[in-house]
């Protein structure tokens, strides 16, 4: 490993830890409050909470140059928990950006995803799992219903705008990252942690042709003239994630051991237009280096980023991963 990623991990680690996603992104259902003595469903929880994992690391895509990949995410509880003891209403926000430190002229920071979401969560189980150190707890099971918007925040919408951007930021491999993509979608998600320490996450999304926030969807355009071009619903919308053991994957602990708490996460993703025709598979091996949670991962398929979501890409990376703050 080169010096640059090592220095990067340290810098991003401080940045991420100071904040009061990745294809395997999911809400772990972790609450940073001491678990009730009887591990029963609590009647209160913090207003500001983690959502998808906070990550920072180095990503290599075979259609791009290496970049520092940063994901920040949180959710806000909108109603007093005592009003809705078995359900929650949240506003969530996840962002992803790439820092091309030394790998592109000018080392730009490029926005890759902005994902605000309004979600209602039902908690069917009366129990919670305490963290190994007892400082937090995790819901055994939840069901989410959400309305969300996702875009990359870029400004190229037409062929003329693309040609101008190509002159400013050649070659086409770089310019493609500035093509705008955007959708509103409906989402139904379910997560369950079982007593054998296996967790399963099922997620379904339906992309709207026209939404309240996005307006008309903005996806692959004919002027891009790419033989792989296709709608997002061809490659995305149905996914399943399994992780084991959850007690290691979902919580970090203070440790003096050099390597500890190994865990494995597997994901499968496909579209709902023609399920299984276009598939994405991803594997993540997590562990702790002393007290620092790390993961190495590899992915083959689609959705490596929103700009070129329809390309089949091979990716791998290493990252620091914080499930909570």
Protein backbone atom coordinates (compact mmCIF):
# COMPACT_ATOMS: atom_id res chain seq x y z
CA UNK A 1 0.00 0.00 0.00
CA UNK A 2 1.37 3.46 -0.88
CA UNK A 3 1.91 6.31 1.58
CA UNK A 4 -0.95 8.36 0.10
CA UNK A 5 -3.79 6.01 1.17
CA UNK A 6 -2.28 5.64 4.65
CA UNK A 7 -2.13 9.39 5.15
CA UNK A 8 -5.58 9.69 3.62
CA UNK A 9 -7.10 7.21 6.08
CA UNK A 10 -5.77 9.26 8.97
CA UNK A 11 -7.06 12.56 7.56
CA UNK A 12 -10.48 11.21 6.70
CA UNK A 13 -10.69 9.42 10.01
CA UNK A 14 -10.48 12.71 11.88
CA UNK A 15 -12.96 14.33 9.48
CA UNK A 16 -15.50 11.54 9.74
CA UNK A 17 -15.20 11.23 13.50
CA UNK A 18 -15.88 14.96 13.76
CA UNK A 19 -19.19 14.71 12.00
CA UNK A 20 -21.77 14.77 15.10
CA UNK A 21 -22.62 5.13 1.77
CA UNK A 22 -21.04 2.45 -0.76
CA UNK A 23 -23.08 -0.23 -2.32
CA UNK A 24 -23.59 -2.17 0.91
CA UNK A 25 -25.06 0.85 2.67
CA UNK A 26 -27.83 0.10 5.14
CA UNK A 27 -29.08 1.50 8.42
CA UNK A 28 -27.74 -0.81 11.13
CA UNK A 29 -30.49 0.24 13.54
CA UNK A 30 -27.88 1.28 16.13
CA UNK A 31 -28.83 3.84 18.79
CA UNK A 32 -26.09 5.55 20.82
CA UNK A 33 -27.71 5.26 24.19
CA UNK A 34 -27.23 2.67 26.93
CA UNK A 35 -29.56 -0.27 26.47
CA UNK A 36 -32.44 -0.67 28.94
CA UNK A 37 -31.59 -3.09 31.79
CA UNK A 38 -34.07 -5.68 30.52
CA UNK A 39 -33.15 -5.14 26.82
CA UNK A 40 -36.76 -4.24 26.10
CA UNK A 41 -37.84 -1.72 23.48
CA UNK A 42 -37.00 1.74 24.89
CA UNK A 43 -39.43 4.64 24.87
CA UNK A 44 -36.83 7.30 24.00
CA UNK A 45 -33.88 7.76 21.69
CA UNK A 46 -31.62 10.65 20.57
CA UNK A 47 -32.91 13.16 18.01
CA UNK A 48 -29.69 13.05 15.92
CA UNK A 49 -28.59 9.53 15.00
CA UNK A 50 -26.41 7.62 12.51
CA UNK A 51 -28.04 6.31 9.36
CA UNK A 52 -25.83 4.59 6.79
CA UNK A 53 -22.21 3.92 7.83
CA UNK A 54 -19.75 6.83 7.77
CA UNK A 55 -16.84 5.72 5.59
CA UNK A 56 -13.60 7.05 4.15
CA UNK A 57 -11.06 5.20 2.06
CA UNK A 58 -9.54 4.54 -1.34
CA UNK A 59 -11.61 3.21 -4.27
CA UNK A 60 -10.37 1.75 -7.53
CA UNK A 61 -12.89 1.45 -10.42
CA UNK A 62 -11.70 0.02 -13.72
CA UNK A 63 -13.47 2.86 -15.60
CA UNK A 64 -11.87 5.62 -13.51
CA UNK A 65 -8.67 6.65 -11.78
CA UNK A 66 -8.27 6.01 -8.03
CA UNK A 67 -10.00 8.42 -5.67
CA UNK A 68 -10.67 8.95 -1.99
CA UNK A 69 -14.24 7.80 -1.42
CA UNK A 70 -16.12 9.50 1.43
CA UNK A 71 -19.69 8.79 2.62
CA UNK A 72 -21.42 10.86 5.31
CA UNK A 73 -24.89 10.01 6.63
CA UNK A 74 -27.27 10.84 9.47
CA UNK A 75 -30.94 10.84 10.37
CA UNK A 76 -33.11 13.09 12.54
CA UNK A 77 -36.08 11.88 14.57
CA UNK A 78 -39.00 14.19 13.79
CA UNK A 79 -41.53 13.16 16.46
CA UNK A 80 -41.16 12.42 20.19
CA UNK A 81 -40.54 8.68 20.60
CA UNK A 82 -43.13 8.53 23.39
CA UNK A 83 -45.82 9.59 20.89
CA UNK A 84 -45.06 6.63 18.65
CA UNK A 85 -43.54 3.87 20.84
CA UNK A 86 -43.57 1.23 18.07
CA UNK A 87 -42.72 3.47 15.13
CA UNK A 88 -40.48 6.40 14.20
CA UNK A 89 -40.56 9.21 11.64
CA UNK A 90 -37.13 10.29 10.40
CA UNK A 91 -35.52 12.65 7.92
CA UNK A 92 -32.32 11.06 6.62
CA UNK A 93 -29.52 12.43 4.46
CA UNK A 94 -26.60 10.58 2.88
CA UNK A 95 -23.88 12.11 0.70
CA UNK A 96 -20.99 10.62 -1.22
CA UNK A 97 -18.11 12.45 -2.88
CA UNK A 98 -14.80 11.54 -4.47
CA UNK A 99 -11.56 13.41 -3.81
CA UNK A 100 -9.20 12.87 -6.76
CA UNK A 101 -6.09 13.73 -4.79
CA UNK A 102 -3.19 13.61 -7.26
CA UNK A 103 -5.04 11.38 -9.72
CA UNK A 104 -6.65 14.18 -11.78
CA UNK A 105 -5.41 17.65 -12.72
CA UNK A 106 -6.21 20.05 -9.90
CA UNK A 107 -7.21 17.21 -7.51
CA UNK A 108 -10.95 18.01 -7.73
CA UNK A 109 -13.66 16.94 -5.30
CA UNK A 110 -16.64 15.59 -7.29
CA UNK A 111 -20.08 15.01 -5.84
CA UNK A 112 -21.29 11.47 -6.54
CA UNK A 113 -24.57 11.20 -4.62
CA UNK A 114 -26.95 13.35 -2.57
CA UNK A 115 -29.77 11.32 -1.05
CA UNK A 116 -32.37 13.02 1.21
CA UNK A 117 -35.14 10.76 2.46
CA UNK A 118 -38.30 10.93 4.55
CA UNK A 119 -38.98 7.56 6.17
CA UNK A 120 -41.41 5.94 8.55
CA UNK A 121 -40.08 3.01 10.59
CA UNK A 122 -42.08 0.28 12.29
CA UNK A 123 -40.44 -1.69 15.13
CA UNK A 124 -42.18 -5.10 15.37
CA UNK A 125 -39.92 -6.59 18.06
CA UNK A 126 -40.04 -5.79 21.79
CA UNK A 127 -36.32 -6.51 22.21
CA UNK A 128 -33.03 -4.77 21.46
CA UNK A 129 -29.47 -6.11 21.30
CA UNK A 130 -26.96 -4.31 23.55
CA UNK A 131 -23.52 -3.51 22.18
CA UNK A 132 -20.57 -5.55 23.52
CA UNK A 133 -19.51 -2.64 25.75
CA UNK A 134 -23.07 -1.67 26.69
CA UNK A 135 -22.79 1.94 25.49
CA UNK A 136 -25.38 1.53 22.70
CA UNK A 137 -28.02 -0.86 21.44
CA UNK A 138 -29.47 -2.16 18.18
CA UNK A 139 -33.07 -2.77 17.16
CA UNK A 140 -33.71 -6.45 16.47
CA UNK A 141 -35.95 -5.72 13.49
CA UNK A 142 -37.43 -2.82 11.56
CA UNK A 143 -39.53 -2.12 8.48
CA UNK A 144 -39.05 1.17 6.60
CA UNK A 145 -41.33 2.92 4.12
CA UNK A 146 -39.73 5.95 2.48
CA UNK A 147 -39.96 8.66 -0.15
CA UNK A 148 -36.52 9.72 -1.36
CA UNK A 149 -34.63 11.79 -3.90
CA UNK A 150 -31.20 10.90 -5.24
CA UNK A 151 -28.98 12.83 -7.62
CA UNK A 152 -25.31 13.54 -8.17
CA UNK A 153 -25.75 17.32 -8.24
CA UNK A 154 -23.93 17.76 -11.57
CA UNK A 155 -24.76 20.33 -14.26
CA UNK A 156 -24.43 18.62 -17.66
CA UNK A 157 -27.94 17.95 -19.04
CA UNK A 158 -27.53 18.30 -22.83
CA UNK A 159 -25.13 17.31 -25.59
CA UNK A 160 -24.00 20.93 -26.04
CA UNK A 161 -23.22 21.23 -22.34
CA UNK A 162 -21.32 17.96 -22.53
CA UNK A 163 -19.15 19.17 -25.41
CA UNK A 164 -18.28 22.35 -23.50
CA UNK A 165 -17.42 20.34 -20.41
CA UNK A 166 -15.28 17.98 -22.51
CA UNK A 167 -13.18 20.93 -23.64
CA UNK A 168 -12.76 22.07 -20.04
CA UNK A 169 -12.08 18.66 -18.45
CA UNK A 170 -10.76 16.14 -20.99
CA UNK A 171 -10.77 13.20 -21.60
CA UNK A 172 -14.30 11.79 -21.84
CA UNK A 173 -13.57 9.48 -18.89
CA UNK A 174 -13.34 12.57 -16.67
CA UNK A 175 -16.14 14.53 -18.36
CA UNK A 176 -18.63 11.70 -17.88
CA UNK A 177 -18.56 12.34 -14.13
CA UNK A 178 -20.26 15.72 -14.73
CA UNK A 179 -23.37 14.28 -16.41
CA UNK A 180 -26.39 14.94 -14.23
CA UNK A 181 -28.49 12.05 -12.92
CA UNK A 182 -31.53 12.32 -10.70
CA UNK A 183 -34.55 10.33 -9.54
CA UNK A 184 -37.28 10.34 -6.92
CA UNK A 185 -38.20 6.89 -5.67
CA UNK A 186 -40.36 4.95 -3.24
CA UNK A 187 -38.61 2.48 -0.94
CA UNK A 188 -39.57 -0.48 1.22
CA UNK A 189 -36.81 -1.95 3.40
CA UNK A 190 -36.68 -4.66 6.09
CA UNK A 191 -33.82 -5.62 8.40
CA UNK A 192 -33.64 -8.44 10.93
CA UNK A 193 -30.87 -9.58 13.22
CA UNK A 194 -31.31 -13.20 14.20
CA UNK A 195 -30.25 -14.89 17.43
CA UNK A 196 -27.46 -16.77 15.58
CA UNK A 197 -25.80 -13.34 14.94
CA UNK A 198 -26.76 -13.26 11.25
CA UNK A 199 -28.40 -10.09 9.90
CA UNK A 200 -30.41 -9.88 6.67
CA UNK A 201 -31.46 -6.69 4.89
CA UNK A 202 -33.99 -6.65 2.02
CA UNK A 203 -34.53 -3.47 0.03
CA UNK A 204 -36.88 -2.55 -2.81
CA UNK A 205 -36.97 0.75 -4.69
CA UNK A 206 -39.39 2.00 -7.35
CA UNK A 207 -38.02 4.84 -9.48
CA UNK A 208 -40.62 7.42 -10.45
CA UNK A 209 -40.84 8.77 -14.00
CA UNK A 210 -41.66 12.13 -12.42
CA UNK A 211 -41.30 13.02 -8.74
CA UNK A 212 -42.08 15.80 -6.30
CA UNK A 213 -38.44 16.83 -5.91
CA UNK A 214 -36.72 15.72 -9.11
CA UNK A 215 -39.51 16.33 -11.61
CA UNK A 216 -38.86 14.14 -14.69
CA UNK A 217 -36.21 11.51 -14.05
CA UNK A 218 -32.79 12.29 -15.50
CA UNK A 219 -30.95 9.16 -16.60
CA UNK A 220 -29.20 7.77 -19.68
CA UNK A 221 -29.59 10.04 -22.76
CA UNK A 222 -29.46 8.86 -26.37
CA UNK A 223 -26.82 11.51 -27.15
CA UNK A 224 -24.39 9.67 -24.87
CA UNK A 225 -24.26 7.00 -27.61
CA UNK A 226 -23.05 4.27 -25.26
CA UNK A 227 -23.97 0.69 -26.21
CA UNK A 228 -24.31 -0.15 -22.50
CA UNK A 229 -26.81 2.66 -21.86
CA UNK A 230 -29.97 1.57 -20.04
CA UNK A 231 -32.55 2.73 -17.51
CA UNK A 232 -31.66 2.61 -13.83
CA UNK A 233 -34.50 0.20 -13.13
CA UNK A 234 -32.67 -2.31 -15.33
CA UNK A 235 -29.72 -2.49 -12.90
CA UNK A 236 -31.08 -1.29 -9.55
CA UNK A 237 -34.14 -1.58 -7.32
CA UNK A 238 -33.95 -5.04 -5.71
CA UNK A 239 -31.21 -5.96 -3.25
CA UNK A 240 -30.38 -8.32 -0.40
CA UNK A 241 -27.55 -8.00 2.12
CA UNK A 242 -26.35 -10.60 4.62
CA UNK A 243 -23.72 -10.01 7.30
CA UNK A 244 -22.12 -12.27 9.91
CA UNK A 245 -21.43 -11.96 12.74
CA UNK A 246 -23.54 -8.86 13.32
CA UNK A 247 -22.07 -8.22 16.76
CA UNK A 248 -18.70 -7.61 15.05
CA UNK A 249 -19.98 -6.00 11.84
CA UNK A 250 -22.24 -3.49 13.58
CA UNK A 251 -20.20 -2.45 16.64
CA UNK A 252 -16.61 -1.35 17.20
CA UNK A 253 -14.98 -1.78 20.60
CA UNK A 254 -11.87 -0.50 22.31
CA UNK A 255 -9.19 -3.11 21.73
CA UNK A 256 -5.45 -3.58 22.18
CA UNK A 257 -5.33 -6.59 19.83
CA UNK A 258 -3.64 -5.93 16.50
CA UNK A 259 -6.41 -7.66 14.48
CA UNK A 260 -9.80 -8.66 15.83
CA UNK A 261 -13.56 -8.93 15.22
CA UNK A 262 -13.56 -10.30 11.63
CA UNK A 263 -16.90 -10.14 9.82
CA UNK A 264 -18.26 -10.73 6.32
CA UNK A 265 -20.93 -8.83 4.37
CA UNK A 266 -22.36 -10.07 1.04
CA UNK A 267 -24.69 -8.16 -1.27
CA UNK A 268 -26.67 -8.95 -4.40
CA UNK A 269 -28.33 -6.19 -6.47
CA UNK A 270 -30.44 -6.36 -9.62
CA UNK A 271 -33.04 -4.32 -11.46
CA UNK A 272 -36.77 -4.91 -11.38
CA UNK A 273 -37.39 -4.28 -15.09
CA UNK A 274 -35.95 -7.72 -15.92
CA UNK A 275 -34.69 -9.23 -12.65
CA UNK A 276 -31.34 -11.10 -12.77
CA UNK A 277 -30.49 -9.91 -16.29
CA UNK A 278 -28.08 -7.27 -14.95
CA UNK A 279 -26.59 -8.19 -11.57
CA UNK A 280 -24.15 -6.72 -9.08
CA UNK A 281 -22.34 -8.76 -6.44
CA UNK A 282 -20.22 -7.35 -3.64
CA UNK A 283 -18.21 -8.81 -0.76
CA UNK A 284 -16.80 -6.94 2.22
CA UNK A 285 -14.38 -8.28 4.82
CA UNK A 286 -14.45 -6.17 7.96
CA UNK A 287 -12.09 -6.25 10.93
CA UNK A 288 -10.57 -4.06 13.61
CA UNK A 289 -6.97 -2.85 13.55
CA UNK A 290 -6.54 -2.15 17.27
CA UNK A 291 -9.66 0.02 17.83
CA UNK A 292 -9.98 1.20 14.21
CA UNK A 293 -12.79 -0.45 12.18
CA UNK A 294 -11.64 -1.25 8.63
CA UNK A 295 -13.03 -3.11 5.63
CA UNK A 296 -11.65 -4.36 2.34
CA UNK A 297 -14.18 -4.94 -0.42
CA UNK A 298 -14.63 -5.99 -4.04
CA UNK A 299 -17.57 -5.49 -6.40
CA UNK A 300 -18.50 -6.56 -9.93
CA UNK A 301 -21.51 -5.05 -11.64
CA UNK A 302 -23.34 -1.74 -11.84
CA UNK A 303 -24.02 1.38 -9.76
CA UNK A 304 -20.35 2.09 -9.04
CA UNK A 305 -21.51 5.72 -9.17
CA UNK A 306 -24.62 7.57 -10.35
CA UNK A 307 -23.06 9.30 -13.35
CA UNK A 308 -22.23 6.03 -15.11
CA UNK A 309 -24.63 3.76 -13.23
CA UNK A 310 -25.32 1.61 -16.30
CA UNK A 311 -21.71 0.50 -16.92
CA UNK A 312 -20.51 -2.88 -15.76
CA UNK A 313 -17.50 -2.08 -13.61
CA UNK A 314 -15.02 -4.01 -11.50
CA UNK A 315 -14.22 -2.19 -8.25
CA UNK A 316 -12.29 -2.76 -5.06
CA UNK A 317 -11.20 -0.68 -2.13
CA UNK A 318 -10.25 -0.30 1.51
CA UNK A 319 -12.00 1.99 3.95
CA UNK A 320 -12.50 3.02 7.54
CA UNK A 321 -16.08 2.42 8.57
CA UNK A 322 -17.94 3.96 11.50
CA UNK A 323 -21.46 2.61 12.11
CA UNK A 324 -22.25 5.37 14.60
CA UNK A 325 -20.99 8.65 15.99
